Structures are given as C-alpha cells and as structure tokens.
C-alpha atoms as a PDB file:
ATOM      1  CA  MET A   1      59.705  49.722  18.928  1.00  0.00           C
ATOM      2  CA  PRO A   2      56.838  48.787  21.257  1.00  0.00           C
ATOM      3  CA  GLU A   3      57.075  50.147  24.763  1.00  0.00           C
ATOM      4  CA  ASN A   4      57.148  46.651  26.301  1.00  0.00           C
ATOM      5  CA  ALA A   5      60.249  45.784  24.238  1.00  0.00           C
ATOM      6  CA  ARG A   6      62.272  48.549  25.911  1.00  0.00           C
ATOM      7  CA  ARG A   7      61.718  47.703  29.539  1.00  0.00           C
ATOM      8  CA  PRO A   8      60.575  44.690  31.505  1.00  0.00           C
ATOM      9  CA  LEU A   9      56.846  44.293  31.964  1.00  0.00           C
ATOM     10  CA  ARG A  10      55.178  44.407  35.349  1.00  0.00           C
ATOM     11  CA  ALA A  11      54.353  40.930  36.620  1.00  0.00           C
ATOM     12  CA  ASP A  12      50.626  41.291  35.894  1.00  0.00           C
ATOM     13  CA  ALA A  13      51.289  42.639  32.399  1.00  0.00           C
ATOM     14  CA  GLN A  14      53.675  39.748  31.702  1.00  0.00           C
ATOM     15  CA  ARG A  15      51.032  37.257  32.876  1.00  0.00           C
ATOM     16  CA  ASN A  16      48.477  38.857  30.562  1.00  0.00           C
ATOM     17  CA  ARG A  17      50.929  38.767  27.648  1.00  0.00           C
ATOM     18  CA  ASP A  18      51.687  35.104  28.302  1.00  0.00           C
ATOM     19  CA  LYS A  19      47.975  34.246  28.500  1.00  0.00           C
ATOM     20  CA  LEU A  20      47.369  36.076  25.222  1.00  0.00           C
ATOM     21  CA  LEU A  21      50.176  34.181  23.496  1.00  0.00           C
ATOM     22  CA  THR A  22      48.833  30.837  24.731  1.00  0.00           C
ATOM     23  CA  ALA A  23      45.286  31.666  23.651  1.00  0.00           C
ATOM     24  CA  ALA A  24      46.466  32.967  20.269  1.00  0.00           C
ATOM     25  CA  LEU A  25      48.541  29.847  19.626  1.00  0.00           C
ATOM     26  CA  SER A  26      45.482  27.718  20.272  1.00  0.00           C
ATOM     27  CA  ALA A  27      43.268  29.927  18.100  1.00  0.00           C
ATOM     28  CA  PHE A  28      45.635  30.334  15.132  1.00  0.00           C
ATOM     29  CA  ALA A  29      46.584  26.647  15.091  1.00  0.00           C
ATOM     30  CA  GLY A  30      42.910  25.655  15.349  1.00  0.00           C
ATOM     31  CA  PRO A  31      40.185  25.345  12.730  1.00  0.00           C
ATOM     32  CA  ALA A  32      39.718  29.117  12.311  1.00  0.00           C
ATOM     33  CA  GLY A  33      43.432  29.609  11.589  1.00  0.00           C
ATOM     34  CA  ALA A  34      44.367  33.142  10.584  1.00  0.00           C
ATOM     35  CA  ASP A  35      40.685  34.092  10.655  1.00  0.00           C
ATOM     36  CA  ALA A  36      40.359  33.539  14.412  1.00  0.00           C
ATOM     37  CA  SER A  37      38.906  36.676  15.918  1.00  0.00           C
ATOM     38  CA  LEU A  38      41.093  38.730  18.192  1.00  0.00           C
ATOM     39  CA  GLU A  39      38.092  39.189  20.455  1.00  0.00           C
ATOM     40  CA  SER A  40      37.914  35.410  20.938  1.00  0.00           C
ATOM     41  CA  VAL A  41      41.655  35.321  21.675  1.00  0.00           C
ATOM     42  CA  ALA A  42      41.246  38.023  24.325  1.00  0.00           C
ATOM     43  CA  LYS A  43      38.217  36.265  25.804  1.00  0.00           C
ATOM     44  CA  GLN A  44      40.024  32.906  25.954  1.00  0.00           C
ATOM     45  CA  ALA A  45      42.971  34.638  27.650  1.00  0.00           C
ATOM     46  CA  GLY A  46      40.612  36.211  30.177  1.00  0.00           C
ATOM     47  CA  VAL A  47      41.522  39.796  29.272  1.00  0.00           C
ATOM     48  CA  GLY A  48      39.849  42.637  27.447  1.00  0.00           C
ATOM     49  CA  ILE A  49      40.462  43.487  23.814  1.00  0.00           C
ATOM     50  CA  GLY A  50      42.220  46.698  24.891  1.00  0.00           C
ATOM     51  CA  THR A  51      44.797  44.625  26.771  1.00  0.00           C
ATOM     52  CA  LEU A  52      45.391  42.554  23.648  1.00  0.00           C
ATOM     53  CA  TYR A  53      45.950  45.674  21.544  1.00  0.00           C
ATOM     54  CA  ARG A  54      48.260  47.223  24.167  1.00  0.00           C
ATOM     55  CA  HIS A  55      50.550  44.214  23.832  1.00  0.00           C
ATOM     56  CA  PHE A  56      49.997  43.510  20.135  1.00  0.00           C
ATOM     57  CA  PRO A  57      48.834  46.497  18.087  1.00  0.00           C
ATOM     58  CA  THR A  58      48.059  44.371  15.007  1.00  0.00           C
ATOM     59  CA  ARG A  59      47.019  40.818  14.222  1.00  0.00           C
ATOM     60  CA  GLU A  60      50.354  40.351  12.463  1.00  0.00           C
ATOM     61  CA  ALA A  61      52.256  41.441  15.576  1.00  0.00           C
ATOM     62  CA  LEU A  62      50.385  38.823  17.601  1.00  0.00           C
ATOM     63  CA  VAL A  63      50.982  36.045  15.058  1.00  0.00           C
ATOM     64  CA  GLU A  64      54.670  36.864  14.845  1.00  0.00           C
ATOM     65  CA  ALA A  65      54.984  36.948  18.640  1.00  0.00           C
ATOM     66  CA  VAL A  66      53.294  33.544  18.933  1.00  0.00           C
ATOM     67  CA  TYR A  67      55.635  32.073  16.343  1.00  0.00           C
ATOM     68  CA  ARG A  68      58.758  33.534  17.942  1.00  0.00           C
ATOM     69  CA  THR A  69      57.643  32.340  21.375  1.00  0.00           C
ATOM     70  CA  GLU A  70      57.311  28.783  20.094  1.00  0.00           C
ATOM     71  CA  VAL A  71      60.791  28.938  18.549  1.00  0.00           C
ATOM     72  CA  GLU A  72      62.228  30.345  21.794  1.00  0.00           C
ATOM     73  CA  ARG A  73      60.549  27.580  23.795  1.00  0.00           C
ATOM     74  CA  LEU A  74      62.059  24.919  21.538  1.00  0.00           C
ATOM     75  CA  CYS A  75      65.532  26.497  21.509  1.00  0.00           C
ATOM     76  CA  ASP A  76      65.538  27.124  25.263  1.00  0.00           C
ATOM     77  CA  ALA A  77      64.757  23.442  25.803  1.00  0.00           C
ATOM     78  CA  ALA A  78      68.146  22.353  24.422  1.00  0.00           C
ATOM     79  CA  PRO A  79      70.306  23.298  27.447  1.00  0.00           C
ATOM     80  CA  GLU A  80      67.575  22.136  29.834  1.00  0.00           C
ATOM     81  CA  LEU A  81      67.457  18.739  28.147  1.00  0.00           C
ATOM     82  CA  LEU A  82      71.249  18.462  28.177  1.00  0.00           C
ATOM     83  CA  ALA A  83      71.262  19.205  31.906  1.00  0.00           C
ATOM     84  CA  ALA A  84      68.673  16.509  32.609  1.00  0.00           C
ATOM     85  CA  HIS A  85      69.594  13.710  30.173  1.00  0.00           C
ATOM     86  CA  ALA A  86      72.473  11.999  28.435  1.00  0.00           C
ATOM     87  CA  PRO A  87      73.350  13.952  25.264  1.00  0.00           C
ATOM     88  CA  ASP A  88      71.854  11.433  22.831  1.00  0.00           C
ATOM     89  CA  ALA A  89      68.647  11.170  24.889  1.00  0.00           C
ATOM     90  CA  ALA A  90      68.485  14.973  25.069  1.00  0.00           C
ATOM     91  CA  LEU A  91      68.878  15.159  21.295  1.00  0.00           C
ATOM     92  CA  ARG A  92      66.112  12.600  20.732  1.00  0.00           C
ATOM     93  CA  ARG A  93      63.740  14.430  23.114  1.00  0.00           C
ATOM     94  CA  TRP A  94      64.491  17.722  21.371  1.00  0.00           C
ATOM     95  CA  MET A  95      63.639  16.054  18.073  1.00  0.00           C
ATOM     96  CA  ASP A  96      60.200  15.210  19.500  1.00  0.00           C
ATOM     97  CA  GLY A  97      59.815  18.856  20.469  1.00  0.00           C
ATOM     98  CA  PHE A  98      60.802  19.923  16.973  1.00  0.00           C
ATOM     99  CA  VAL A  99      58.086  17.768  15.421  1.00  0.00           C
ATOM    100  CA  ASP A 100      55.564  19.303  17.850  1.00  0.00           C
ATOM    101  CA  TYR A 101      56.812  22.774  16.876  1.00  0.00           C
ATOM    102  CA  MET A 102      56.447  21.965  13.175  1.00  0.00           C
ATOM    103  CA  THR A 103      52.904  20.747  13.769  1.00  0.00           C
ATOM    104  CA  THR A 104      52.095  24.073  15.432  1.00  0.00           C
ATOM    105  CA  LYS A 105      53.820  25.996  12.656  1.00  0.00           C
ATOM    106  CA  ARG A 106      51.852  24.085  10.034  1.00  0.00           C
ATOM    107  CA  GLY A 107      48.635  24.945  11.876  1.00  0.00           C
ATOM    108  CA  MET A 108      49.646  28.597  11.829  1.00  0.00           C
ATOM    109  CA  ALA A 109      50.793  28.587   8.188  1.00  0.00           C
ATOM    110  CA  GLU A 110      47.951  30.758   6.931  1.00  0.00           C
ATOM    111  CA  ALA A 111      48.445  33.276   9.726  1.00  0.00           C
ATOM    112  CA  LEU A 112      52.207  33.373   9.059  1.00  0.00           C
ATOM    113  CA  ARG A 113      51.586  33.967   5.344  1.00  0.00           C
ATOM    114  CA  ALA A 114      49.477  36.978   6.319  1.00  0.00           C
ATOM    115  CA  VAL A 115      52.396  38.326   8.378  1.00  0.00           C
ATOM    116  CA  ILE A 116      54.765  37.904   5.431  1.00  0.00           C
ATOM    117  CA  ALA A 117      52.266  39.527   3.041  1.00  0.00           C
ATOM    118  CA  SER A 118      52.121  42.555   5.338  1.00  0.00           C
ATOM    119  CA  GLY A 119      55.915  42.947   5.164  1.00  0.00           C
ATOM    120  CA  GLY A 120      56.904  41.043   8.311  1.00  0.00           C
ATOM    121  CA  ASP A 121      59.616  38.397   8.425  1.00  0.00           C
ATOM    122  CA  PRO A 122      58.938  35.988  11.281  1.00  0.00           C
ATOM    123  CA  PHE A 123      61.747  33.704  10.084  1.00  0.00           C
ATOM    124  CA  ALA A 124      64.528  36.329  10.100  1.00  0.00           C
ATOM    125  CA  GLU A 125      66.219  35.178  13.307  1.00  0.00           C
ATOM    126  CA  THR A 126      64.535  31.890  14.004  1.00  0.00           C
ATOM    127  CA  ARG A 127      66.434  29.625  11.607  1.00  0.00           C
ATOM    128  CA  GLY A 128      69.753  30.662  13.139  1.00  0.00           C
ATOM    129  CA  ARG A 129      68.426  30.043  16.646  1.00  0.00           C
ATOM    130  CA  LEU A 130      67.144  26.601  15.655  1.00  0.00           C
ATOM    131  CA  LEU A 131      70.474  25.697  14.059  1.00  0.00           C
ATOM    132  CA  ASP A 132      72.391  26.883  17.143  1.00  0.00           C
ATOM    133  CA  ALA A 133      70.179  24.849  19.505  1.00  0.00           C
ATOM    134  CA  LEU A 134      70.452  21.739  17.347  1.00  0.00           C
ATOM    135  CA  ARG A 135      74.213  22.230  16.936  1.00  0.00           C
ATOM    136  CA  SER A 136      74.664  22.331  20.725  1.00  0.00           C
ATOM    137  CA  LEU A 137      72.835  19.016  21.049  1.00  0.00           C
ATOM    138  CA  LEU A 138      74.741  17.392  18.187  1.00  0.00           C
ATOM    139  CA  ASP A 139      78.083  18.614  19.556  1.00  0.00           C
ATOM    140  CA  ALA A 140      77.271  17.289  23.020  1.00  0.00           C
ATOM    141  CA  ALA A 141      76.240  13.876  21.663  1.00  0.00           C
ATOM    142  CA  ALA A 142      79.303  13.707  19.392  1.00  0.00           C
ATOM    143  CA  GLY A 143      81.494  14.764  22.327  1.00  0.00           C
ATOM    144  CA  VAL A 144      80.560  11.581  24.213  1.00  0.00           C
ATOM    145  CA  GLN A 145      80.721   9.523  21.007  1.00  0.00           C
ATOM    146  CA  ALA A 146      76.993   8.785  21.091  1.00  0.00           C
ATOM    147  CA  ILE A 147      76.712   9.991  17.494  1.00  0.00           C
ATOM    148  CA  ARG A 148      79.084  10.553  14.617  1.00  0.00           C
ATOM    149  CA  ASP A 149      81.127  13.747  14.668  1.00  0.00           C
ATOM    150  CA  ASP A 150      80.796  14.431  10.922  1.00  0.00           C
ATOM    151  CA  VAL A 151      77.111  15.301  10.978  1.00  0.00           C
ATOM    152  CA  ASP A 152      76.019  18.501   9.245  1.00  0.00           C
ATOM    153  CA  VAL A 153      73.513  20.404  11.383  1.00  0.00           C
ATOM    154  CA  GLN A 154      71.583  21.623   8.332  1.00  0.00           C
ATOM    155  CA  ASP A 155      71.198  18.045   7.085  1.00  0.00           C
ATOM    156  CA  VAL A 156      69.733  17.013  10.420  1.00  0.00           C
ATOM    157  CA  LEU A 157      67.372  20.013  10.449  1.00  0.00           C
ATOM    158  CA  ARG A 158      66.184  19.071   6.959  1.00  0.00           C
ATOM    159  CA  GLY A 159      65.719  15.492   8.093  1.00  0.00           C
ATOM    160  CA  LEU A 160      63.626  16.656  11.039  1.00  0.00           C
ATOM    161  CA  SER A 161      61.551  18.830   8.736  1.00  0.00           C
ATOM    162  CA  GLY A 162      61.057  15.838   6.459  1.00  0.00           C
ATOM    163  CA  VAL A 163      59.856  13.687   9.344  1.00  0.00           C
ATOM    164  CA  SER A 164      57.286  16.307  10.328  1.00  0.00           C
ATOM    165  CA  LEU A 165      56.073  16.524   6.725  1.00  0.00           C
ATOM    166  CA  ALA A 166      55.963  12.750   6.246  1.00  0.00           C
ATOM    167  CA  ALA A 167      53.892  12.079   9.368  1.00  0.00           C
ATOM    168  CA  PRO A 168      51.976  15.302  10.050  1.00  0.00           C
ATOM    169  CA  ASP A 169      49.107  13.685  11.925  1.00  0.00           C
ATOM    170  CA  ASP A 170      50.635  10.441  13.151  1.00  0.00           C
ATOM    171  CA  ARG A 171      52.814  11.003  16.224  1.00  0.00           C
ATOM    172  CA  GLU A 172      53.614   7.287  16.492  1.00  0.00           C
ATOM    173  CA  GLN A 173      54.942   7.133  12.933  1.00  0.00           C
ATOM    174  CA  ALA A 174      56.882  10.357  13.492  1.00  0.00           C
ATOM    175  CA  GLY A 175      58.512   8.742  16.535  1.00  0.00           C
ATOM    176  CA  ARG A 176      59.567   5.725  14.486  1.00  0.00           C
ATOM    177  CA  LEU A 177      61.024   7.994  11.804  1.00  0.00           C
ATOM    178  CA  LEU A 178      62.910   9.987  14.444  1.00  0.00           C
ATOM    179  CA  ASP A 179      64.323   6.722  15.813  1.00  0.00           C
ATOM    180  CA  LEU A 180      65.554   5.883  12.301  1.00  0.00           C
ATOM    181  CA  LEU A 181      67.137   9.317  12.014  1.00  0.00           C
ATOM    182  CA  MET A 182      68.876   8.824  15.370  1.00  0.00           C
ATOM    183  CA  ASP A 183      70.117   5.403  14.244  1.00  0.00           C
ATOM    184  CA  GLY A 184      71.622   7.058  11.165  1.00  0.00           C
ATOM    185  CA  LEU A 185      73.489   9.515  13.391  1.00  0.00           C
ATOM    186  CA  ARG A 186      75.058   6.844  15.584  1.00  0.00           C
ATOM    187  CA  TYR A 187      78.528   5.388  15.119  1.00  0.00           C
ATOM    188  CA  ARG A 188      78.715   2.058  13.401  1.00  0.00           C
ATOM    189  CA  ARG A 189      80.810  -0.140  15.642  1.00  0.00           C
ATOM    190  CA  ALA A 190      82.390  -3.314  14.304  1.00  0.00           C
END
C-alpha cells in the first residue's frame, strides 16, 4: 500500500497530487493517449518527475488514479446536485456529468487497457459506486413522483452508456437523447 494511502497528505503534497491528476487526465485523454510522456505530465502540473513518481510509482498507478478520481467526482456530485436542485433536475444534470465522464473514459481507453494488461482492475469498485449514486438520484426523483418508481438502475445506466456511445462528439445530440431518456422515466399522467 502506498504511503500516501495510509495517512493524509500534507496540504502541499495534496495540491501536487491534484495538479498531477488534472494534468494526467488532460494528457491521457488527449491525442497522445496512453503514450503521453510522464515528463510532460509532470511539467504541465508544474512539478518535477520525482514528485510524480513519489505519488504514482508507475504509469498504470497514475492512469488508475485518474480514472478513479473521475468516478469519485461524478459520484460525489449526486448528493450535491440533490441539495441544490429538485430531484428530477438533479438527475438530469447528473446525466450530463455521466456523458462527460464517458467522453473522458473513452479518451483514456488505451491507457486503461494498459492498466488492465498489467494486472490492474480500475473497474473493481467503480461500477458499484456509479450504481449507488444513480440509485440515490432515481430514488429521490421517484420519491417526489417526478419519475416512475419501477425503474431499474442498471437499465438507466445502460441507457446513459448508450447515449454516450451514440453521440460521442456531439454534446447537443447527447442532450436531446438524455431528454428523451428522462421523458421515458417520467410518469404518464392521463
């Protein structure tokens, strides 16, 4: 277990880690993909290569950390959205975030395959976290009768994945498809 996983990081070390994750996300999702140099990631983050390796001893560790951070960001948004918006509006905004997450994941696909090939499993915990976040939003919206209460969370997750695959580079079309998905979740009133 890495040292930084056992105890909280100092504030400056946490800032450096966060800057590295942001720079790596940009690099791995960019044109270079999995071949982005770690030196360029460190340079973009404004830290030395030694700092990168202190936080992430291998390329695969960095890729996996970037992926998990994006999943955490998406999942952590669910309660924040519910606190700020009506449940159905929170659900719809989270759906937008999911499509953004899938776009990032698609950009990192090659890098994630390299992690899997090296024996890592970046998806081990993330699917459960995504389902839990989505379930909380669906339950809240169903609780105020904004959507049907017989919706299967896995069906909705598959639908969201389908939207991101159907409109990978067209955010406007993805939005229209998400609106259709939301309409399918709503009660039909006579």
